[in-house]
Amino acid sequence: MEKLVELLKDHDIDTYHHSYRVAELSLHIARSMDLSEWDQKITYYSGLLHDIGKSRVGKEILVKPGKLTLDEWVSIQQHPIFGFKILKGYPLPDDEIKYVVLFHHERLNGSGYPFNLRDEHIPLKAKIVAVADSFDAMTNNRSYSRAKSFNEALNQILSDKGTLFDPIAVDALYRHLNGKV
């Protein structure tokens, strides 16, 4: 699996580092939710590979400062589908990983992408990775935005609890970040 992530290292070093941070945070959330050891492992691997599809998005789009054009945004929104297709060609410890990759940008209220799925149609591990991914994206500088403070990012995630993000995963993130796990 780590060889797959190496694809990102050559394509975009920031996405590579982000993938490891998201994997670690996803694992902590899964642990805080008392998921089984196996489910924790699959959640970690899913977090590690969640952005593998960005290896098929032009680097100039990934590192572009400022607002993306509509065409560039459409390209970015394809990365979960690209990731799913990439992973179909590799043996994985569990097929669920490729579905977490496919659905990690879906949101409870149906406002996510690529399929606008709603709560009950989104796998739990994709909900976990979504929380970890969003928190990490908010707390690290990106080419298109400055990092929010820890508290600003946590408050944003908490305010989107139940609308965009799974309440149980958000509560688990909160417990982890406040050292209650």
N, C-alpha and C. Protein backbone atom coordinates (compact mmCIF):
# COMPACT_ATOMS: atom_id res chain seq x y z
N MET A 1 0.81 -1.20 0.00
CA MET A 1 0.00 0.00 0.00
C MET A 1 0.84 1.25 0.00
N GLU A 2 1.91 1.20 0.74
CA GLU A 2 2.76 2.39 0.79
C GLU A 2 3.40 2.67 -0.56
N LYS A 3 3.58 1.63 -1.37
CA LYS A 3 4.09 1.85 -2.73
C LYS A 3 3.08 2.64 -3.55
N LEU A 4 1.80 2.38 -3.33
CA LEU A 4 0.77 3.15 -4.02
C LEU A 4 0.85 4.63 -3.63
N VAL A 5 1.05 4.87 -2.35
CA VAL A 5 1.12 6.25 -1.88
C VAL A 5 2.36 6.95 -2.44
N GLU A 6 3.38 6.17 -2.74
CA GLU A 6 4.59 6.76 -3.35
C GLU A 6 4.27 7.44 -4.68
N LEU A 7 3.20 6.97 -5.37
CA LEU A 7 2.76 7.65 -6.59
C LEU A 7 2.47 9.13 -6.31
N LEU A 8 1.88 9.37 -5.16
CA LEU A 8 1.55 10.75 -4.79
C LEU A 8 2.80 11.55 -4.47
N LYS A 9 3.78 10.91 -3.87
CA LYS A 9 5.02 11.61 -3.49
C LYS A 9 5.67 12.24 -4.72
N ASP A 10 5.70 11.49 -5.80
CA ASP A 10 6.30 12.00 -7.04
C ASP A 10 5.42 13.05 -7.71
N HIS A 11 4.11 12.96 -7.50
CA HIS A 11 3.18 13.87 -8.16
C HIS A 11 2.97 15.16 -7.37
N ASP A 12 2.75 15.01 -6.05
CA ASP A 12 2.51 16.19 -5.22
C ASP A 12 2.86 15.85 -3.77
N ILE A 13 3.97 16.38 -3.30
CA ILE A 13 4.49 16.05 -1.98
C ILE A 13 3.52 16.46 -0.87
N ASP A 14 2.79 17.55 -1.06
CA ASP A 14 1.84 17.98 -0.03
C ASP A 14 0.71 16.97 0.14
N THR A 15 0.20 16.44 -0.95
CA THR A 15 -0.86 15.43 -0.88
C THR A 15 -0.32 14.15 -0.23
N TYR A 16 0.91 13.83 -0.52
CA TYR A 16 1.56 12.66 0.08
C TYR A 16 1.59 12.80 1.61
N HIS A 17 2.06 13.93 2.13
CA HIS A 17 2.12 14.15 3.58
C HIS A 17 0.71 14.21 4.18
N HIS A 18 -0.19 14.86 3.48
CA HIS A 18 -1.59 14.94 3.90
C HIS A 18 -2.18 13.54 4.06
N SER A 19 -1.87 12.63 3.16
CA SER A 19 -2.41 11.27 3.20
C SER A 19 -1.99 10.54 4.48
N TYR A 20 -0.75 10.70 4.89
CA TYR A 20 -0.29 10.07 6.13
C TYR A 20 -0.96 10.69 7.35
N ARG A 21 -1.12 12.01 7.35
CA ARG A 21 -1.79 12.66 8.49
C ARG A 21 -3.25 12.21 8.58
N VAL A 22 -3.92 12.14 7.44
CA VAL A 22 -5.33 11.71 7.42
C VAL A 22 -5.44 10.26 7.87
N ALA A 23 -4.52 9.42 7.45
CA ALA A 23 -4.54 8.01 7.87
C ALA A 23 -4.42 7.90 9.39
N GLU A 24 -3.48 8.62 9.97
CA GLU A 24 -3.28 8.59 11.43
C GLU A 24 -4.51 9.11 12.16
N LEU A 25 -5.04 10.23 11.72
CA LEU A 25 -6.21 10.81 12.38
C LEU A 25 -7.43 9.90 12.21
N SER A 26 -7.59 9.30 11.05
CA SER A 26 -8.69 8.35 10.82
C SER A 26 -8.58 7.17 11.77
N LEU A 27 -7.38 6.69 11.96
CA LEU A 27 -7.15 5.58 12.90
C LEU A 27 -7.56 5.98 14.31
N HIS A 28 -7.18 7.17 14.74
CA HIS A 28 -7.53 7.63 16.09
C HIS A 28 -9.04 7.77 16.26
N ILE A 29 -9.71 8.26 15.22
CA ILE A 29 -11.17 8.38 15.28
C ILE A 29 -11.80 6.99 15.38
N ALA A 30 -11.34 6.06 14.55
CA ALA A 30 -11.87 4.69 14.58
C ALA A 30 -11.64 4.05 15.95
N ARG A 31 -10.47 4.29 16.52
CA ARG A 31 -10.17 3.77 17.86
C ARG A 31 -11.11 4.36 18.90
N SER A 32 -11.33 5.67 18.80
CA SER A 32 -12.22 6.36 19.74
C SER A 32 -13.66 5.88 19.61
N MET A 33 -14.00 5.36 18.44
CA MET A 33 -15.34 4.82 18.21
C MET A 33 -15.43 3.34 18.62
N ASP A 34 -14.33 2.80 19.13
CA ASP A 34 -14.26 1.39 19.55
C ASP A 34 -14.52 0.41 18.41
N LEU A 35 -14.08 0.77 17.21
CA LEU A 35 -14.19 -0.18 16.09
C LEU A 35 -13.21 -1.32 16.34
N SER A 36 -13.48 -2.45 15.72
CA SER A 36 -12.59 -3.61 15.87
C SER A 36 -11.20 -3.29 15.33
N GLU A 37 -10.23 -4.09 15.74
CA GLU A 37 -8.85 -3.91 15.25
C GLU A 37 -8.81 -3.95 13.71
N TRP A 38 -9.56 -4.89 13.14
CA TRP A 38 -9.59 -5.00 11.67
C TRP A 38 -10.17 -3.73 11.05
N ASP A 39 -11.27 -3.25 11.58
CA ASP A 39 -11.89 -2.05 11.04
C ASP A 39 -10.98 -0.83 11.22
N GLN A 40 -10.25 -0.79 12.32
CA GLN A 40 -9.28 0.29 12.52
C GLN A 40 -8.20 0.24 11.44
N LYS A 41 -7.72 -0.96 11.16
CA LYS A 41 -6.68 -1.13 10.15
C LYS A 41 -7.20 -0.70 8.77
N ILE A 42 -8.40 -1.12 8.42
CA ILE A 42 -8.98 -0.78 7.12
C ILE A 42 -9.23 0.74 7.04
N THR A 43 -9.64 1.33 8.15
CA THR A 43 -9.84 2.78 8.18
C THR A 43 -8.51 3.50 7.96
N TYR A 44 -7.44 3.02 8.59
CA TYR A 44 -6.11 3.60 8.39
C TYR A 44 -5.70 3.52 6.92
N TYR A 45 -5.81 2.33 6.33
CA TYR A 45 -5.43 2.16 4.93
C TYR A 45 -6.28 3.03 4.01
N SER A 46 -7.55 3.15 4.34
CA SER A 46 -8.44 4.00 3.53
C SER A 46 -8.01 5.45 3.60
N GLY A 47 -7.65 5.91 4.80
CA GLY A 47 -7.15 7.28 4.94
C GLY A 47 -5.85 7.49 4.19
N LEU A 48 -5.00 6.48 4.23
CA LEU A 48 -3.72 6.56 3.53
C LEU A 48 -3.91 6.71 2.02
N LEU A 49 -4.91 6.01 1.48
CA LEU A 49 -5.12 5.98 0.03
C LEU A 49 -6.23 6.91 -0.45
N HIS A 50 -6.85 7.67 0.45
CA HIS A 50 -8.05 8.42 0.09
C HIS A 50 -7.85 9.36 -1.09
N ASP A 51 -6.67 9.94 -1.24
CA ASP A 51 -6.41 10.89 -2.33
C ASP A 51 -5.54 10.33 -3.45
N ILE A 52 -5.44 9.01 -3.54
CA ILE A 52 -4.60 8.40 -4.57
C ILE A 52 -5.03 8.83 -5.97
N GLY A 53 -6.30 9.13 -6.15
CA GLY A 53 -6.80 9.58 -7.45
C GLY A 53 -6.25 10.94 -7.87
N LYS A 54 -5.71 11.70 -6.92
CA LYS A 54 -5.11 12.99 -7.28
C LYS A 54 -3.84 12.81 -8.11
N SER A 55 -3.33 11.58 -8.15
CA SER A 55 -2.16 11.31 -9.00
C SER A 55 -2.54 11.42 -10.48
N ARG A 56 -3.84 11.44 -10.77
CA ARG A 56 -4.32 11.59 -12.15
C ARG A 56 -4.90 12.98 -12.42
N VAL A 57 -4.74 13.88 -11.47
CA VAL A 57 -5.18 15.27 -11.64
C VAL A 57 -3.92 16.09 -11.90
N GLY A 58 -3.97 16.98 -12.87
CA GLY A 58 -2.80 17.79 -13.20
C GLY A 58 -2.21 18.50 -11.99
N LYS A 59 -0.91 18.42 -11.86
CA LYS A 59 -0.23 19.06 -10.72
C LYS A 59 -0.50 20.56 -10.70
N GLU A 60 -0.60 21.16 -11.88
CA GLU A 60 -0.85 22.60 -11.95
C GLU A 60 -2.19 22.96 -11.30
N ILE A 61 -3.13 22.02 -11.29
CA ILE A 61 -4.42 22.25 -10.63
C ILE A 61 -4.26 22.07 -9.11
N LEU A 62 -3.53 21.04 -8.71
CA LEU A 62 -3.36 20.74 -7.29
C LEU A 62 -2.63 21.85 -6.54
N VAL A 63 -1.71 22.52 -7.21
CA VAL A 63 -0.91 23.55 -6.52
C VAL A 63 -1.29 24.97 -6.92
N LYS A 64 -2.36 25.11 -7.66
CA LYS A 64 -2.77 26.44 -8.13
C LYS A 64 -3.16 27.33 -6.95
N PRO A 65 -2.54 28.49 -6.87
CA PRO A 65 -2.97 29.43 -5.83
C PRO A 65 -4.28 30.09 -6.25
N GLY A 66 -5.14 30.32 -5.29
CA GLY A 66 -6.38 31.01 -5.60
C GLY A 66 -7.47 30.08 -6.09
N LYS A 67 -8.51 30.69 -6.59
CA LYS A 67 -9.73 29.99 -6.98
C LYS A 67 -9.53 29.17 -8.26
N LEU A 68 -10.14 27.98 -8.26
CA LEU A 68 -10.10 27.12 -9.45
C LEU A 68 -11.19 27.55 -10.43
N THR A 69 -10.93 27.33 -11.72
CA THR A 69 -11.97 27.52 -12.72
C THR A 69 -12.98 26.38 -12.58
N LEU A 70 -14.10 26.50 -13.24
CA LEU A 70 -15.11 25.44 -13.19
C LEU A 70 -14.54 24.12 -13.73
N ASP A 71 -13.81 24.18 -14.83
CA ASP A 71 -13.21 22.97 -15.40
C ASP A 71 -12.20 22.33 -14.44
N GLU A 72 -11.40 23.17 -13.78
CA GLU A 72 -10.42 22.65 -12.82
C GLU A 72 -11.14 22.00 -11.63
N TRP A 73 -12.21 22.63 -11.16
CA TRP A 73 -12.97 22.07 -10.04
C TRP A 73 -13.59 20.73 -10.43
N VAL A 74 -14.11 20.63 -11.63
CA VAL A 74 -14.67 19.36 -12.11
C VAL A 74 -13.58 18.29 -12.12
N SER A 75 -12.38 18.65 -12.53
CA SER A 75 -11.26 17.71 -12.54
C SER A 75 -10.94 17.23 -11.12
N ILE A 76 -10.88 18.14 -10.17
CA ILE A 76 -10.63 17.78 -8.77
C ILE A 76 -11.71 16.84 -8.25
N GLN A 77 -12.96 17.12 -8.60
CA GLN A 77 -14.06 16.30 -8.13
C GLN A 77 -14.03 14.88 -8.69
N GLN A 78 -13.22 14.64 -9.68
CA GLN A 78 -13.09 13.30 -10.24
C GLN A 78 -12.09 12.44 -9.49
N HIS A 79 -11.30 13.03 -8.58
CA HIS A 79 -10.25 12.24 -7.95
C HIS A 79 -10.75 11.03 -7.15
N PRO A 80 -11.94 11.06 -6.53
CA PRO A 80 -12.40 9.82 -5.88
C PRO A 80 -12.67 8.70 -6.90
N ILE A 81 -13.20 9.07 -8.06
CA ILE A 81 -13.45 8.07 -9.10
C ILE A 81 -12.13 7.55 -9.65
N PHE A 82 -11.18 8.45 -9.89
CA PHE A 82 -9.85 8.02 -10.35
C PHE A 82 -9.23 7.08 -9.34
N GLY A 83 -9.34 7.41 -8.05
CA GLY A 83 -8.77 6.56 -7.01
C GLY A 83 -9.39 5.18 -6.99
N PHE A 84 -10.71 5.12 -7.11
CA PHE A 84 -11.41 3.85 -7.16
C PHE A 84 -10.90 3.00 -8.32
N LYS A 85 -10.77 3.63 -9.48
CA LYS A 85 -10.29 2.90 -10.67
C LYS A 85 -8.86 2.42 -10.50
N ILE A 86 -8.01 3.23 -9.91
CA ILE A 86 -6.62 2.83 -9.66
C ILE A 86 -6.60 1.61 -8.75
N LEU A 87 -7.36 1.68 -7.67
CA LEU A 87 -7.33 0.60 -6.66
C LEU A 87 -7.95 -0.69 -7.16
N LYS A 88 -8.82 -0.61 -8.16
CA LYS A 88 -9.40 -1.84 -8.72
C LYS A 88 -8.32 -2.76 -9.28
N GLY A 89 -7.18 -2.20 -9.66
CA GLY A 89 -6.10 -2.98 -10.25
C GLY A 89 -5.11 -3.55 -9.25
N TYR A 90 -5.36 -3.36 -7.95
CA TYR A 90 -4.41 -3.81 -6.93
C TYR A 90 -5.09 -4.72 -5.91
N PRO A 91 -4.37 -5.72 -5.44
CA PRO A 91 -4.93 -6.53 -4.35
C PRO A 91 -4.90 -5.71 -3.06
N LEU A 92 -6.02 -5.67 -2.37
CA LEU A 92 -6.13 -4.90 -1.13
C LEU A 92 -6.54 -5.85 -0.01
N PRO A 93 -6.23 -5.51 1.23
CA PRO A 93 -6.64 -6.37 2.34
C PRO A 93 -8.17 -6.49 2.45
N ASP A 94 -8.88 -5.48 1.94
CA ASP A 94 -10.34 -5.49 1.99
C ASP A 94 -10.85 -4.58 0.87
N ASP A 95 -11.83 -5.06 0.11
CA ASP A 95 -12.39 -4.26 -1.00
C ASP A 95 -13.05 -2.97 -0.51
N GLU A 96 -13.42 -2.93 0.76
CA GLU A 96 -14.07 -1.73 1.29
C GLU A 96 -13.18 -0.49 1.12
N ILE A 97 -11.89 -0.65 1.12
CA ILE A 97 -10.97 0.48 0.98
C ILE A 97 -11.28 1.29 -0.26
N LYS A 98 -11.49 0.60 -1.39
CA LYS A 98 -11.73 1.35 -2.62
C LYS A 98 -13.06 2.11 -2.57
N TYR A 99 -14.02 1.60 -1.80
CA TYR A 99 -15.30 2.31 -1.67
C TYR A 99 -15.18 3.51 -0.73
N VAL A 100 -14.35 3.39 0.28
CA VAL A 100 -14.08 4.55 1.14
C VAL A 100 -13.41 5.65 0.31
N VAL A 101 -12.46 5.27 -0.51
CA VAL A 101 -11.80 6.23 -1.41
C VAL A 101 -12.83 6.89 -2.32
N LEU A 102 -13.74 6.11 -2.85
CA LEU A 102 -14.76 6.62 -3.77
C LEU A 102 -15.73 7.59 -3.08
N PHE A 103 -16.03 7.34 -1.81
CA PHE A 103 -17.09 8.10 -1.13
C PHE A 103 -16.60 9.09 -0.08
N HIS A 104 -15.29 9.32 0.05
CA HIS A 104 -14.81 10.15 1.16
C HIS A 104 -15.16 11.64 1.05
N HIS A 105 -15.67 12.09 -0.09
CA HIS A 105 -16.12 13.48 -0.21
C HIS A 105 -17.65 13.61 -0.23
N GLU A 106 -18.34 12.52 0.03
CA GLU A 106 -19.79 12.60 0.17
C GLU A 106 -20.12 13.21 1.54
N ARG A 107 -21.25 13.89 1.63
CA ARG A 107 -21.65 14.56 2.87
C ARG A 107 -23.05 14.13 3.28
N LEU A 108 -23.31 14.12 4.58
CA LEU A 108 -24.59 13.62 5.10
C LEU A 108 -25.79 14.23 4.41
N ASN A 109 -25.74 15.52 4.11
CA ASN A 109 -26.90 16.21 3.53
C ASN A 109 -26.99 16.08 2.01
N GLY A 110 -26.10 15.30 1.41
CA GLY A 110 -26.14 15.10 -0.03
C GLY A 110 -25.39 16.15 -0.84
N SER A 111 -24.67 17.04 -0.16
CA SER A 111 -23.98 18.12 -0.88
C SER A 111 -22.57 17.74 -1.33
N GLY A 112 -22.14 16.51 -1.07
CA GLY A 112 -20.79 16.10 -1.44
C GLY A 112 -20.67 15.65 -2.88
N TYR A 113 -19.54 15.05 -3.19
CA TYR A 113 -19.29 14.55 -4.54
C TYR A 113 -18.54 13.24 -4.46
N PRO A 114 -18.54 12.41 -5.46
CA PRO A 114 -19.01 12.64 -6.83
C PRO A 114 -20.47 12.29 -7.08
N PHE A 115 -21.18 11.69 -6.09
CA PHE A 115 -22.52 11.18 -6.36
C PHE A 115 -23.64 11.85 -5.56
N ASN A 116 -23.33 12.82 -4.73
CA ASN A 116 -24.32 13.49 -3.88
C ASN A 116 -25.11 12.50 -3.02
N LEU A 117 -24.39 11.51 -2.47
CA LEU A 117 -25.03 10.53 -1.60
C LEU A 117 -25.42 11.18 -0.28
N ARG A 118 -26.42 10.59 0.36
CA ARG A 118 -26.86 11.04 1.69
C ARG A 118 -26.42 10.04 2.75
N ASP A 119 -26.57 10.43 3.96
CA ASP A 119 -26.12 9.75 5.16
C ASP A 119 -26.10 8.22 5.09
N GLU A 120 -27.25 7.61 4.97
CA GLU A 120 -27.34 6.14 5.06
C GLU A 120 -26.68 5.42 3.89
N HIS A 121 -26.35 6.14 2.84
CA HIS A 121 -25.71 5.52 1.67
C HIS A 121 -24.19 5.68 1.67
N ILE A 122 -23.67 6.31 2.70
CA ILE A 122 -22.22 6.54 2.81
C ILE A 122 -21.66 5.56 3.83
N PRO A 123 -20.65 4.79 3.46
CA PRO A 123 -20.06 3.84 4.43
C PRO A 123 -19.46 4.56 5.64
N LEU A 124 -19.55 3.93 6.79
CA LEU A 124 -19.04 4.52 8.03
C LEU A 124 -17.58 4.95 7.91
N LYS A 125 -16.75 4.10 7.35
CA LYS A 125 -15.33 4.44 7.26
C LYS A 125 -15.09 5.64 6.34
N ALA A 126 -15.93 5.82 5.33
CA ALA A 126 -15.83 7.02 4.48
C ALA A 126 -16.21 8.26 5.27
N LYS A 127 -17.17 8.12 6.18
CA LYS A 127 -17.55 9.24 7.05
C LYS A 127 -16.41 9.62 7.99
N ILE A 128 -15.72 8.61 8.48
CA ILE A 128 -14.57 8.85 9.36
C ILE A 128 -13.46 9.57 8.60
N VAL A 129 -13.11 9.05 7.43
CA VAL A 129 -12.05 9.66 6.63
C VAL A 129 -12.44 11.09 6.22
N ALA A 130 -13.72 11.33 5.96
CA ALA A 130 -14.18 12.67 5.61
C ALA A 130 -13.89 13.66 6.73
N VAL A 131 -14.13 13.27 7.96
CA VAL A 131 -13.87 14.15 9.11
C VAL A 131 -12.37 14.40 9.24
N ALA A 132 -11.58 13.33 9.18
CA ALA A 132 -10.13 13.46 9.31
C ALA A 132 -9.55 14.30 8.17
N ASP A 133 -10.01 14.06 6.95
CA ASP A 133 -9.55 14.78 5.77
C ASP A 133 -9.86 16.27 5.90
N SER A 134 -11.06 16.58 6.29
CA SER A 134 -11.47 17.98 6.40
C SER A 134 -10.70 18.70 7.50
N PHE A 135 -10.55 18.05 8.66
CA PHE A 135 -9.80 18.68 9.75
C PHE A 135 -8.36 18.94 9.33
N ASP A 136 -7.73 17.94 8.71
CA ASP A 136 -6.34 18.12 8.29
C ASP A 136 -6.22 19.21 7.22
N ALA A 137 -7.14 19.24 6.27
CA ALA A 137 -7.10 20.26 5.22
C ALA A 137 -7.23 21.66 5.82
N MET A 138 -8.07 21.78 6.84
CA MET A 138 -8.27 23.10 7.45
C MET A 138 -7.08 23.55 8.28
N THR A 139 -6.34 22.61 8.86
CA THR A 139 -5.26 22.98 9.77
C THR A 139 -3.88 23.01 9.12
N ASN A 140 -3.83 22.89 7.82
CA ASN A 140 -2.56 22.96 7.09
C ASN A 140 -2.69 23.94 5.94
N ASN A 141 -1.62 24.70 5.70
CA ASN A 141 -1.63 25.62 4.57
C ASN A 141 -1.75 24.85 3.28
N ARG A 142 -2.56 25.38 2.39
CA ARG A 142 -2.72 24.83 1.05
C ARG A 142 -2.38 25.94 0.07
N SER A 143 -2.17 25.58 -1.18
CA SER A 143 -1.84 26.60 -2.18
C SER A 143 -2.97 27.62 -2.33
N TYR A 144 -4.19 27.19 -2.03
CA TYR A 144 -5.36 28.04 -2.24
C TYR A 144 -5.95 28.61 -0.95
N SER A 145 -5.40 28.22 0.21
CA SER A 145 -5.93 28.77 1.47
C SER A 145 -4.91 28.64 2.60
N ARG A 146 -5.01 29.57 3.54
CA ARG A 146 -4.16 29.53 4.72
C ARG A 146 -4.81 28.64 5.78
N ALA A 147 -3.97 28.04 6.59
CA ALA A 147 -4.45 27.16 7.64
C ALA A 147 -5.27 27.93 8.67
N LYS A 148 -6.30 27.27 9.16
CA LYS A 148 -7.05 27.78 10.30
C LYS A 148 -6.34 27.31 11.56
N SER A 149 -6.62 27.97 12.65
CA SER A 149 -6.07 27.50 13.93
C SER A 149 -6.76 26.18 14.30
N PHE A 150 -6.15 25.48 15.22
CA PHE A 150 -6.72 24.23 15.73
C PHE A 150 -8.16 24.46 16.18
N ASN A 151 -8.37 25.49 17.00
CA ASN A 151 -9.72 25.76 17.53
C ASN A 151 -10.70 26.17 16.44
N GLU A 152 -10.25 26.99 15.49
CA GLU A 152 -11.14 27.38 14.38
C GLU A 152 -11.58 26.16 13.58
N ALA A 153 -10.64 25.28 13.28
CA ALA A 153 -10.96 24.08 12.50
C ALA A 153 -11.89 23.16 13.28
N LEU A 154 -11.59 22.95 14.55
CA LEU A 154 -12.44 22.08 15.36
C LEU A 154 -13.85 22.67 15.47
N ASN A 155 -13.95 23.96 15.68
CA ASN A 155 -15.27 24.60 15.76
C ASN A 155 -16.03 24.48 14.44
N GLN A 156 -15.32 24.56 13.32
CA GLN A 156 -15.98 24.39 12.01
C GLN A 156 -16.52 22.97 11.86
N ILE A 157 -15.71 21.99 12.22
CA ILE A 157 -16.16 20.59 12.15
C ILE A 157 -17.36 20.39 13.08
N LEU A 158 -17.29 20.94 14.28
CA LEU A 158 -18.41 20.80 15.23
C LEU A 158 -19.67 21.48 14.71
N SER A 159 -19.52 22.62 14.04
CA SER A 159 -20.70 23.31 13.53
C SER A 159 -21.33 22.57 12.35
N ASP A 160 -20.54 21.74 11.66
CA ASP A 160 -21.06 20.96 10.53
C ASP A 160 -21.48 19.55 10.94
N LYS A 161 -21.40 19.26 12.23
CA LYS A 161 -21.80 17.96 12.78
C LYS A 161 -23.29 17.75 12.52
N GLY A 162 -23.60 16.61 11.90
CA GLY A 162 -24.99 16.27 11.63
C GLY A 162 -25.51 16.82 10.31
N THR A 163 -24.80 17.78 9.73
CA THR A 163 -25.19 18.33 8.44
C THR A 163 -24.27 17.78 7.35
N LEU A 164 -22.99 18.06 7.51
CA LEU A 164 -21.99 17.54 6.56
C LEU A 164 -21.33 16.27 7.09
N PHE A 165 -21.06 16.27 8.40
CA PHE A 165 -20.26 15.20 9.00
C PHE A 165 -21.05 14.35 9.98
N ASP A 166 -20.70 13.07 10.01
CA ASP A 166 -21.33 12.11 10.90
C ASP A 166 -21.11 12.52 12.36
N PRO A 167 -22.18 12.63 13.15
CA PRO A 167 -22.04 13.06 14.54
C PRO A 167 -21.16 12.15 15.39
N ILE A 168 -21.25 10.85 15.17
CA ILE A 168 -20.44 9.92 15.97
C ILE A 168 -18.95 10.08 15.65
N ALA A 169 -18.63 10.25 14.36
CA ALA A 169 -17.23 10.46 13.96
C ALA A 169 -16.72 11.81 14.48
N VAL A 170 -17.56 12.84 14.45
CA VAL A 170 -17.15 14.15 14.97
C VAL A 170 -16.90 14.07 16.47
N ASP A 171 -17.79 13.41 17.19
CA ASP A 171 -17.59 13.26 18.63
C ASP A 171 -16.31 12.48 18.93
N ALA A 172 -16.02 11.48 18.13
CA ALA A 172 -14.79 10.70 18.31
C ALA A 172 -13.56 11.56 18.03
N LEU A 173 -13.62 12.40 17.01
CA LEU A 173 -12.52 13.34 16.74
C LEU A 173 -12.34 14.26 17.94
N TYR A 174 -13.41 14.80 18.44
CA TYR A 174 -13.36 15.71 19.58
C TYR A 174 -12.71 15.03 20.79
N ARG A 175 -13.14 13.80 21.10
CA ARG A 175 -12.55 13.07 22.23
C ARG A 175 -11.07 12.86 22.02
N HIS A 176 -10.69 12.47 20.81
CA HIS A 176 -9.27 12.24 20.53
C HIS A 176 -8.45 13.52 20.69
N LEU A 177 -8.93 14.60 20.09
CA LEU A 177 -8.17 15.85 20.12
C LEU A 177 -8.10 16.47 21.51
N ASN A 178 -9.03 16.11 22.35
CA ASN A 178 -9.03 16.61 23.72
C ASN A 178 -8.43 15.60 24.70
N GLY A 179 -7.75 14.60 24.15
CA GLY A 179 -7.04 13.64 24.99
C GLY A 179 -7.91 12.75 25.84
N LYS A 180 -9.13 12.51 25.40
CA LYS A 180 -10.05 11.70 26.20
C LYS A 180 -10.13 10.26 25.69
N VAL A 181 -9.16 9.87 24.87
CA VAL A 181 -9.17 8.50 24.35
C VAL A 181 -7.91 7.81 24.85
